[in-house]
Amino acid sequence: MIDLFTSPTPNGYKVSCTLEYLNIPYQAHLINLLEGEQFKKSFLKHSPNGKIPAIYHREEKLSLAESGAILIYLADMSGKLIPPDGPERFKVIEWLMFQMGHIGPMMGQSNVFFRYFPEKIDSVIKRYHKECRRLFEVVDNRLKNREWLADDFSIADIANWCWIRTYKWSGIEVEDLDHLQAWLEKIKKMPKIQKGLDVPVSRDILKQSSEKDLIKFSKRILTK
């Protein structure tokens, strides 16, 4: 059994969607970022850096943080979503690292300045939007003559999709990126992926979040 400590964010969804896709038994525990639960000792023992997501594999007595590491662990555990060895395994890891090192950080910064920062600095917002668009073009080009980022559907697709699907919130245009848009829609239609997006909180409940909660969340992002 896997204990999943998470919140409704792209990095959190990467793990919940993977767990659902792989049919791995798990119990989800909401870490309330608004209340600072990520800094409690009970969570820090699983994630020393105080970041979600984290897992605890009961049978192995293993705590693991960092979403990319968790995805590789779960895929290896199940024998699915990543080859066991050979060149194609490293293509999956390459595109997983592309998300970890580029898509996630750049879209995260775009969100900070486009959504949360009290002062709207146009030059900074344009800088991050331009870089995110460039990264989207890299993905679009990769998908030009293939269905998935690697040979088969993998954790690399799940990781990148969970971030790129939020392009509207980040204020990034996907016009003319036909291959990327088709890939987004293809994954969106997977029932198990959709189920993972309701963990740890139903999307219907999230839609009811008040503006006050969003302001509180943005202030916490900028001060922690």
C-alpha atoms as a PDB file:
ATOM      1  CA  MET A   1       0.000   0.000   0.000  1.00  0.00           C
ATOM      2  CA  ILE A   2       1.183   3.480  -0.906  1.00  0.00           C
ATOM      3  CA  ASP A   3       0.411   6.525   1.220  1.00  0.00           C
ATOM      4  CA  LEU A   4       0.290   9.598  -1.018  1.00  0.00           C
ATOM      5  CA  PHE A   5       0.795  12.998   0.590  1.00  0.00           C
ATOM      6  CA  THR A   6      -0.306  15.578  -1.922  1.00  0.00           C
ATOM      7  CA  SER A   7      -2.217  18.704  -2.931  1.00  0.00           C
ATOM      8  CA  PRO A   8      -4.177  19.663  -6.070  1.00  0.00           C
ATOM      9  CA  THR A   9      -1.205  20.971  -8.072  1.00  0.00           C
ATOM     10  CA  PRO A  10       0.458  19.810 -11.307  1.00  0.00           C
ATOM     11  CA  ASN A  11       3.207  18.015  -9.382  1.00  0.00           C
ATOM     12  CA  GLY A  12       0.655  16.349  -7.148  1.00  0.00           C
ATOM     13  CA  TYR A  13      -1.457  15.267 -10.108  1.00  0.00           C
ATOM     14  CA  LYS A  14       1.575  13.674 -11.743  1.00  0.00           C
ATOM     15  CA  VAL A  15       1.644  11.071  -8.983  1.00  0.00           C
ATOM     16  CA  SER A  16      -2.109  10.579  -8.484  1.00  0.00           C
ATOM     17  CA  CYS A  17      -2.634  10.140 -12.237  1.00  0.00           C
ATOM     18  CA  THR A  18       0.221   7.638 -12.388  1.00  0.00           C
ATOM     19  CA  LEU A  19      -1.123   5.665  -9.425  1.00  0.00           C
ATOM     20  CA  GLU A  20      -4.573   5.538 -11.010  1.00  0.00           C
ATOM     21  CA  TYR A  21      -3.217   4.542 -14.409  1.00  0.00           C
ATOM     22  CA  LEU A  22      -1.155   1.734 -12.886  1.00  0.00           C
ATOM     23  CA  ASN A  23      -3.953   0.523 -10.579  1.00  0.00           C
ATOM     24  CA  ILE A  24      -1.616   0.640  -7.586  1.00  0.00           C
ATOM     25  CA  PRO A  25      -3.493   0.594  -4.247  1.00  0.00           C
ATOM     26  CA  TYR A  26      -2.980   3.844  -2.368  1.00  0.00           C
ATOM     27  CA  GLN A  27      -4.426   6.134   0.257  1.00  0.00           C
ATOM     28  CA  ALA A  28      -4.350   9.865  -0.404  1.00  0.00           C
ATOM     29  CA  HIS A  29      -3.675  12.395   2.350  1.00  0.00           C
ATOM     30  CA  LEU A  30      -4.333  16.073   1.644  1.00  0.00           C
ATOM     31  CA  ILE A  31      -1.487  18.389   2.608  1.00  0.00           C
ATOM     32  CA  ASN A  32      -3.150  21.782   3.035  1.00  0.00           C
ATOM     33  CA  LEU A  33      -0.679  24.288   1.633  1.00  0.00           C
ATOM     34  CA  LEU A  34      -2.899  27.184   2.718  1.00  0.00           C
ATOM     35  CA  GLU A  35      -2.440  26.153   6.335  1.00  0.00           C
ATOM     36  CA  GLY A  36       1.263  25.405   5.999  1.00  0.00           C
ATOM     37  CA  GLU A  37       0.912  21.680   6.630  1.00  0.00           C
ATOM     38  CA  GLN A  38       3.913  21.057   4.371  1.00  0.00           C
ATOM     39  CA  PHE A  39       6.110  22.409   7.173  1.00  0.00           C
ATOM     40  CA  LYS A  40       4.834  20.063   9.872  1.00  0.00           C
ATOM     41  CA  LYS A  41       7.199  17.410  11.239  1.00  0.00           C
ATOM     42  CA  SER A  42       4.755  14.669  10.292  1.00  0.00           C
ATOM     43  CA  PHE A  43       5.172  15.622   6.627  1.00  0.00           C
ATOM     44  CA  LEU A  44       8.835  16.608   6.700  1.00  0.00           C
ATOM     45  CA  LYS A  45       9.783  13.065   7.686  1.00  0.00           C
ATOM     46  CA  HIS A  46       8.556  12.017   4.239  1.00  0.00           C
ATOM     47  CA  SER A  47       9.667  15.134   2.343  1.00  0.00           C
ATOM     48  CA  PRO A  48      12.631  16.895   4.012  1.00  0.00           C
ATOM     49  CA  ASN A  49      12.326  19.853   1.619  1.00  0.00           C
ATOM     50  CA  GLY A  50       8.721  20.466   2.608  1.00  0.00           C
ATOM     51  CA  LYS A  51       7.372  20.035  -0.916  1.00  0.00           C
ATOM     52  CA  ILE A  52       4.533  17.888  -2.184  1.00  0.00           C
ATOM     53  CA  PRO A  53       4.114  15.221  -3.373  1.00  0.00           C
ATOM     54  CA  ALA A  54       5.648  12.510  -1.238  1.00  0.00           C
ATOM     55  CA  ILE A  55       4.856   8.838  -0.777  1.00  0.00           C
ATOM     56  CA  TYR A  56       5.351   6.199   1.871  1.00  0.00           C
ATOM     57  CA  HIS A  57       5.472   2.581   0.679  1.00  0.00           C
ATOM     58  CA  ARG A  58       4.341   0.665   3.736  1.00  0.00           C
ATOM     59  CA  GLU A  59       5.655  -2.772   2.768  1.00  0.00           C
ATOM     60  CA  GLU A  60       9.106  -1.407   1.944  1.00  0.00           C
ATOM     61  CA  LYS A  61       9.091   1.140   4.794  1.00  0.00           C
ATOM     62  CA  LEU A  62      10.241   3.682   2.202  1.00  0.00           C
ATOM     63  CA  SER A  63       9.539   7.409   2.162  1.00  0.00           C
ATOM     64  CA  LEU A  64      10.165   9.118  -1.155  1.00  0.00           C
ATOM     65  CA  ALA A  65       9.853  12.744  -2.233  1.00  0.00           C
ATOM     66  CA  GLU A  66      10.459  14.570  -5.549  1.00  0.00           C
ATOM     67  CA  SER A  67       7.773  13.811  -8.116  1.00  0.00           C
ATOM     68  CA  GLY A  68      10.154  12.599 -10.819  1.00  0.00           C
ATOM     69  CA  ALA A  69      11.767  10.072  -8.496  1.00  0.00           C
ATOM     70  CA  ILE A  70       8.330   8.914  -7.367  1.00  0.00           C
ATOM     71  CA  LEU A  71       7.157   8.379 -10.956  1.00  0.00           C
ATOM     72  CA  ILE A  72      10.207   6.276 -11.798  1.00  0.00           C
ATOM     73  CA  TYR A  73       9.741   4.253  -8.612  1.00  0.00           C
ATOM     74  CA  LEU A  74       6.063   3.551  -9.312  1.00  0.00           C
ATOM     75  CA  ALA A  75       6.693   2.699 -12.960  1.00  0.00           C
ATOM     76  CA  ASP A  76       9.524   0.320 -12.063  1.00  0.00           C
ATOM     77  CA  MET A  77       7.394  -1.201  -9.311  1.00  0.00           C
ATOM     78  CA  SER A  78       4.592  -1.989 -11.756  1.00  0.00           C
ATOM     79  CA  GLY A  79       6.685  -2.797 -14.813  1.00  0.00           C
ATOM     80  CA  LYS A  80       4.684  -0.291 -16.856  1.00  0.00           C
ATOM     81  CA  LEU A  81       5.082   3.262 -18.206  1.00  0.00           C
ATOM     82  CA  ILE A  82       8.877   2.915 -18.494  1.00  0.00           C
ATOM     83  CA  PRO A  83      11.048   0.233 -20.133  1.00  0.00           C
ATOM     84  CA  PRO A  84      13.142  -1.828 -17.687  1.00  0.00           C
ATOM     85  CA  ASP A  85      16.375  -1.095 -19.529  1.00  0.00           C
ATOM     86  CA  GLY A  86      17.875  -0.101 -22.864  1.00  0.00           C
ATOM     87  CA  PRO A  87      18.000   3.172 -24.798  1.00  0.00           C
ATOM     88  CA  GLU A  88      14.242   3.764 -24.707  1.00  0.00           C
ATOM     89  CA  ARG A  89      14.260   3.784 -20.904  1.00  0.00           C
ATOM     90  CA  PHE A  90      16.573   6.757 -21.036  1.00  0.00           C
ATOM     91  CA  LYS A  91      14.417   8.542 -23.624  1.00  0.00           C
ATOM     92  CA  VAL A  92      11.565   8.347 -21.116  1.00  0.00           C
ATOM     93  CA  ILE A  93      13.848   9.707 -18.402  1.00  0.00           C
ATOM     94  CA  GLU A  94      15.109  12.416 -20.776  1.00  0.00           C
ATOM     95  CA  TRP A  95      11.593  13.755 -21.376  1.00  0.00           C
ATOM     96  CA  LEU A  96      10.688  13.377 -17.725  1.00  0.00           C
ATOM     97  CA  MET A  97      13.706  15.520 -16.867  1.00  0.00           C
ATOM     98  CA  PHE A  98      12.612  18.000 -19.551  1.00  0.00           C
ATOM     99  CA  GLN A  99       9.472  18.559 -17.523  1.00  0.00           C
ATOM    100  CA  MET A 100      11.312  18.653 -14.210  1.00  0.00           C
ATOM    101  CA  GLY A 101      14.022  21.030 -15.380  1.00  0.00           C
ATOM    102  CA  HIS A 102      12.189  23.243 -17.871  1.00  0.00           C
ATOM    103  CA  ILE A 103       8.396  22.987 -18.186  1.00  0.00           C
ATOM    104  CA  GLY A 104       7.673  22.946 -14.450  1.00  0.00           C
ATOM    105  CA  PRO A 105      10.078  25.696 -13.346  1.00  0.00           C
ATOM    106  CA  MET A 106       9.228  28.054 -16.211  1.00  0.00           C
ATOM    107  CA  MET A 107       5.460  27.623 -15.936  1.00  0.00           C
ATOM    108  CA  GLY A 108       5.765  27.979 -12.174  1.00  0.00           C
ATOM    109  CA  GLN A 109       7.556  31.305 -12.545  1.00  0.00           C
ATOM    110  CA  SER A 110       5.049  32.375 -15.173  1.00  0.00           C
ATOM    111  CA  ASN A 111       2.261  31.710 -12.668  1.00  0.00           C
ATOM    112  CA  VAL A 112       4.005  33.726  -9.956  1.00  0.00           C
ATOM    113  CA  PHE A 113       4.347  36.864 -12.061  1.00  0.00           C
ATOM    114  CA  PHE A 114       1.204  36.469 -14.189  1.00  0.00           C
ATOM    115  CA  ARG A 115      -1.155  35.419 -11.384  1.00  0.00           C
ATOM    116  CA  TYR A 116       0.249  36.045  -7.925  1.00  0.00           C
ATOM    117  CA  PHE A 117       2.768  38.882  -7.842  1.00  0.00           C
ATOM    118  CA  PRO A 118       1.027  42.101  -6.713  1.00  0.00           C
ATOM    119  CA  GLU A 119       2.936  44.259  -9.205  1.00  0.00           C
ATOM    120  CA  LYS A 120       2.407  43.308 -12.847  1.00  0.00           C
ATOM    121  CA  ILE A 121       5.795  43.687 -14.539  1.00  0.00           C
ATOM    122  CA  ASP A 122       5.095  43.326 -18.254  1.00  0.00           C
ATOM    123  CA  SER A 123       8.696  42.660 -19.272  1.00  0.00           C
ATOM    124  CA  VAL A 124       9.001  39.805 -16.769  1.00  0.00           C
ATOM    125  CA  ILE A 125       5.640  38.293 -17.689  1.00  0.00           C
ATOM    126  CA  LYS A 126       6.518  38.445 -21.396  1.00  0.00           C
ATOM    127  CA  ARG A 127       9.886  36.849 -20.690  1.00  0.00           C
ATOM    128  CA  TYR A 128       8.329  33.795 -19.018  1.00  0.00           C
ATOM    129  CA  HIS A 129       5.466  33.539 -21.499  1.00  0.00           C
ATOM    130  CA  LYS A 130       7.952  33.600 -24.370  1.00  0.00           C
ATOM    131  CA  GLU A 131      10.120  30.898 -22.803  1.00  0.00           C
ATOM    132  CA  CYS A 132       7.118  28.700 -21.994  1.00  0.00           C
ATOM    133  CA  ARG A 133       5.873  29.061 -25.549  1.00  0.00           C
ATOM    134  CA  ARG A 134       9.332  28.066 -26.816  1.00  0.00           C
ATOM    135  CA  LEU A 135       9.264  24.962 -24.616  1.00  0.00           C
ATOM    136  CA  PHE A 136       5.797  24.098 -25.919  1.00  0.00           C
ATOM    137  CA  GLU A 137       7.201  24.334 -29.433  1.00  0.00           C
ATOM    138  CA  VAL A 138       9.921  21.851 -28.469  1.00  0.00           C
ATOM    139  CA  VAL A 139       7.226  19.400 -27.350  1.00  0.00           C
ATOM    140  CA  ASP A 140       5.141  20.074 -30.463  1.00  0.00           C
ATOM    141  CA  ASN A 141       8.133  19.378 -32.679  1.00  0.00           C
ATOM    142  CA  ARG A 142       8.870  16.160 -30.781  1.00  0.00           C
ATOM    143  CA  LEU A 143       5.302  14.979 -31.410  1.00  0.00           C
ATOM    144  CA  LYS A 144       5.364  15.849 -35.116  1.00  0.00           C
ATOM    145  CA  ASN A 145       5.862  12.269 -36.303  1.00  0.00           C
ATOM    146  CA  ARG A 146       5.052  10.300 -33.178  1.00  0.00           C
ATOM    147  CA  GLU A 147       2.153   9.653 -30.823  1.00  0.00           C
ATOM    148  CA  TRP A 148       4.060   9.982 -27.551  1.00  0.00           C
ATOM    149  CA  LEU A 149       7.197  11.642 -26.228  1.00  0.00           C
ATOM    150  CA  ALA A 150       8.962   8.264 -26.150  1.00  0.00           C
ATOM    151  CA  ASP A 151       8.047   5.116 -28.094  1.00  0.00           C
ATOM    152  CA  ASP A 152       5.034   4.331 -25.900  1.00  0.00           C
ATOM    153  CA  PHE A 153       2.816   6.225 -23.475  1.00  0.00           C
ATOM    154  CA  SER A 154       4.931   6.764 -20.374  1.00  0.00           C
ATOM    155  CA  ILE A 155       5.512   8.707 -17.169  1.00  0.00           C
ATOM    156  CA  ALA A 156       7.138  11.359 -19.364  1.00  0.00           C
ATOM    157  CA  ASP A 157       3.790  12.026 -21.047  1.00  0.00           C
ATOM    158  CA  ILE A 158       1.938  12.127 -17.731  1.00  0.00           C
ATOM    159  CA  ALA A 159       4.457  14.501 -16.148  1.00  0.00           C
ATOM    160  CA  ASN A 160       4.505  16.966 -19.036  1.00  0.00           C
ATOM    161  CA  TRP A 161       0.746  16.766 -19.576  1.00  0.00           C
ATOM    162  CA  CYS A 162      -0.088  17.603 -15.960  1.00  0.00           C
ATOM    163  CA  TRP A 163       1.734  20.910 -16.373  1.00  0.00           C
ATOM    164  CA  ILE A 164       1.064  21.820 -20.006  1.00  0.00           C
ATOM    165  CA  ARG A 165      -2.704  21.269 -19.623  1.00  0.00           C
ATOM    166  CA  THR A 166      -2.745  24.385 -17.389  1.00  0.00           C
ATOM    167  CA  TYR A 167      -1.531  26.673 -20.190  1.00  0.00           C
ATOM    168  CA  LYS A 168      -4.619  28.908 -19.996  1.00  0.00           C
ATOM    169  CA  TRP A 169      -4.099  29.575 -16.284  1.00  0.00           C
ATOM    170  CA  SER A 170      -0.476  30.455 -17.030  1.00  0.00           C
ATOM    171  CA  GLY A 171      -1.495  32.772 -19.876  1.00  0.00           C
ATOM    172  CA  ILE A 172       0.413  30.855 -22.561  1.00  0.00           C
ATOM    173  CA  GLU A 173      -0.826  30.513 -26.140  1.00  0.00           C
ATOM    174  CA  VAL A 174      -0.924  27.122 -27.888  1.00  0.00           C
ATOM    175  CA  GLU A 175      -2.240  28.416 -31.206  1.00  0.00           C
ATOM    176  CA  ASP A 176      -0.690  26.620 -34.213  1.00  0.00           C
ATOM    177  CA  LEU A 177       0.787  23.891 -31.993  1.00  0.00           C
ATOM    178  CA  ASP A 178      -1.416  21.225 -33.546  1.00  0.00           C
ATOM    179  CA  HIS A 179       0.614  18.192 -32.461  1.00  0.00           C
ATOM    180  CA  LEU A 180       0.766  19.381 -28.866  1.00  0.00           C
ATOM    181  CA  GLN A 181      -2.965  20.121 -28.801  1.00  0.00           C
ATOM    182  CA  ALA A 182      -3.818  16.675 -30.192  1.00  0.00           C
ATOM    183  CA  TRP A 183      -1.578  15.053 -27.573  1.00  0.00           C
ATOM    184  CA  LEU A 184      -3.240  17.076 -24.797  1.00  0.00           C
ATOM    185  CA  GLU A 185      -6.687  15.942 -25.918  1.00  0.00           C
ATOM    186  CA  LYS A 186      -5.652  12.304 -26.292  1.00  0.00           C
ATOM    187  CA  ILE A 187      -4.422  12.077 -22.705  1.00  0.00           C
ATOM    188  CA  LYS A 188      -7.367  14.120 -21.410  1.00  0.00           C
ATOM    189  CA  LYS A 189      -9.741  11.424 -22.699  1.00  0.00           C
ATOM    190  CA  MET A 190      -8.115   8.666 -20.616  1.00  0.00           C
ATOM    191  CA  PRO A 191     -10.560   7.780 -17.790  1.00  0.00           C
ATOM    192  CA  LYS A 192      -7.828   6.835 -15.324  1.00  0.00           C
ATOM    193  CA  ILE A 193      -6.038  10.125 -15.892  1.00  0.00           C
ATOM    194  CA  GLN A 194      -9.284  11.984 -15.280  1.00  0.00           C
ATOM    195  CA  LYS A 195      -9.767  10.047 -12.050  1.00  0.00           C
ATOM    196  CA  GLY A 196      -6.302  11.092 -10.899  1.00  0.00           C
ATOM    197  CA  LEU A 197      -7.271  14.752 -11.279  1.00  0.00           C
ATOM    198  CA  ASP A 198      -9.844  14.352  -8.499  1.00  0.00           C
ATOM    199  CA  VAL A 199      -7.151  13.407  -5.962  1.00  0.00           C
ATOM    200  CA  PRO A 200      -6.841  14.521  -3.211  1.00  0.00           C
ATOM    201  CA  VAL A 201      -9.788  16.906  -3.708  1.00  0.00           C
ATOM    202  CA  SER A 202     -12.630  16.732  -6.206  1.00  0.00           C
ATOM    203  CA  ARG A 203     -12.406  19.344  -8.939  1.00  0.00           C
ATOM    204  CA  ASP A 204     -16.024  20.274  -8.199  1.00  0.00           C
ATOM    205  CA  ILE A 205     -14.987  21.259  -4.678  1.00  0.00           C
ATOM    206  CA  LEU A 206     -11.958  23.167  -5.952  1.00  0.00           C
ATOM    207  CA  LYS A 207     -14.195  25.265  -8.196  1.00  0.00           C
ATOM    208  CA  GLN A 208     -15.903  26.546  -5.053  1.00  0.00           C
ATOM    209  CA  SER A 209     -12.673  28.000  -3.636  1.00  0.00           C
ATOM    210  CA  SER A 210     -13.207  31.599  -2.633  1.00  0.00           C
ATOM    211  CA  GLU A 211     -11.197  34.535  -3.908  1.00  0.00           C
ATOM    212  CA  LYS A 212      -9.991  34.987  -0.318  1.00  0.00           C
ATOM    213  CA  ASP A 213      -8.443  31.493  -0.422  1.00  0.00           C
ATOM    214  CA  LEU A 214      -6.658  32.291  -3.679  1.00  0.00           C
ATOM    215  CA  ILE A 215      -5.274  35.532  -2.239  1.00  0.00           C
ATOM    216  CA  LYS A 216      -4.111  33.686   0.868  1.00  0.00           C
ATOM    217  CA  PHE A 217      -2.464  31.030  -1.283  1.00  0.00           C
ATOM    218  CA  SER A 218      -0.697  33.616  -3.434  1.00  0.00           C
ATOM    219  CA  LYS A 219       0.657  35.412  -0.376  1.00  0.00           C
ATOM    220  CA  ARG A 220       1.993  32.147   1.004  1.00  0.00           C
ATOM    221  CA  ILE A 221       3.722  31.401  -2.317  1.00  0.00           C
ATOM    222  CA  LEU A 222       5.456  34.776  -2.238  1.00  0.00           C
ATOM    223  CA  THR A 223       6.530  34.646   1.402  1.00  0.00           C
ATOM    224  CA  LYS A 224       7.567  31.016   1.899  1.00  0.00           C
END
